[in-house]
Amino acid sequence: MQQTAHLFGRDPIVIAKRIQKEIYDTTGITASIGIAPNLFLSKVALDVESKYSNPRIAM
């Protein structure tokens, strides 16, 4: 995220929603996104929170 902040903005939620929209517009598939400092924590966040939250974004 830090390397691409100048391209997409600094707010991770805004970036995640933009990525979700692009995936849905291109493929018609709803994506879940985990936001964390590392891959392991983002996967844990997805397992715990994303399935129950409406925007399917876990932090």
Protein backbone atom coordinates (compact mmCIF):
# COMPACT_ATOMS: atom_id res chain seq x y z
CA MET A 1 0.00 0.00 0.00
CA GLN A 2 2.73 2.46 0.87
CA GLN A 3 4.39 2.09 -2.52
CA THR A 4 1.16 2.87 -4.39
CA ALA A 5 -0.32 5.54 -2.09
CA HIS A 6 0.55 8.25 -4.59
CA LEU A 7 -1.48 6.43 -7.26
CA PHE A 8 -4.63 5.49 -5.37
CA GLY A 9 -4.76 7.69 -2.27
CA ARG A 10 -3.85 7.12 1.35
CA ASP A 11 -7.04 5.66 2.83
CA PRO A 12 -6.93 1.82 2.73
CA ILE A 13 -10.73 1.53 2.87
CA VAL A 14 -11.15 3.76 -0.18
CA ILE A 15 -8.52 1.75 -2.04
CA ALA A 16 -10.18 -1.54 -1.05
CA LYS A 17 -13.60 -0.35 -2.24
CA ARG A 18 -12.09 0.81 -5.52
CA ILE A 19 -10.43 -2.58 -6.06
CA GLN A 20 -13.68 -4.38 -5.19
CA LYS A 21 -15.63 -2.26 -7.67
CA GLU A 22 -13.10 -2.87 -10.43
CA ILE A 23 -13.16 -6.63 -9.82
CA TYR A 24 -16.97 -6.67 -9.82
CA ASP A 25 -17.26 -4.48 -12.92
CA THR A 26 -14.77 -6.64 -14.82
CA THR A 27 -15.82 -10.13 -13.71
CA GLY A 28 -19.17 -9.88 -11.92
CA ILE A 29 -17.60 -11.55 -8.88
CA THR A 30 -17.86 -10.06 -5.38
CA ALA A 31 -14.45 -9.88 -3.68
CA SER A 32 -13.58 -9.84 0.02
CA ILE A 33 -10.56 -7.83 1.10
CA GLY A 34 -8.43 -8.07 4.24
CA ILE A 35 -6.38 -5.06 5.31
CA ALA A 36 -3.50 -5.60 7.73
CA PRO A 37 0.24 -5.00 8.07
CA ASN A 38 1.01 -8.47 6.68
CA LEU A 39 -0.56 -11.29 4.68
CA PHE A 40 -1.18 -13.55 7.69
CA LEU A 41 -3.12 -10.91 9.62
CA SER A 42 -5.13 -9.92 6.56
CA LYS A 43 -6.20 -13.55 6.09
CA VAL A 44 -7.13 -13.82 9.77
CA ALA A 45 -9.16 -10.61 9.50
CA LEU A 46 -10.99 -12.05 6.51
CA ASP A 47 -11.78 -15.27 8.34
CA VAL A 48 -13.07 -13.48 11.43
CA GLU A 49 -14.77 -10.33 10.21
CA SER A 50 -15.36 -10.11 6.48
CA LYS A 51 -17.97 -12.83 6.21
CA TYR A 52 -20.19 -10.93 8.64
CA SER A 53 -19.61 -7.34 7.53
CA ASN A 54 -21.66 -5.81 4.76
CA PRO A 55 -18.91 -4.27 2.58
CA ARG A 56 -16.84 -7.48 2.90
CA ILE A 57 -13.75 -5.51 3.98
CA ALA A 58 -11.93 -6.66 7.11
CA MET A 59 -9.33 -4.75 9.09
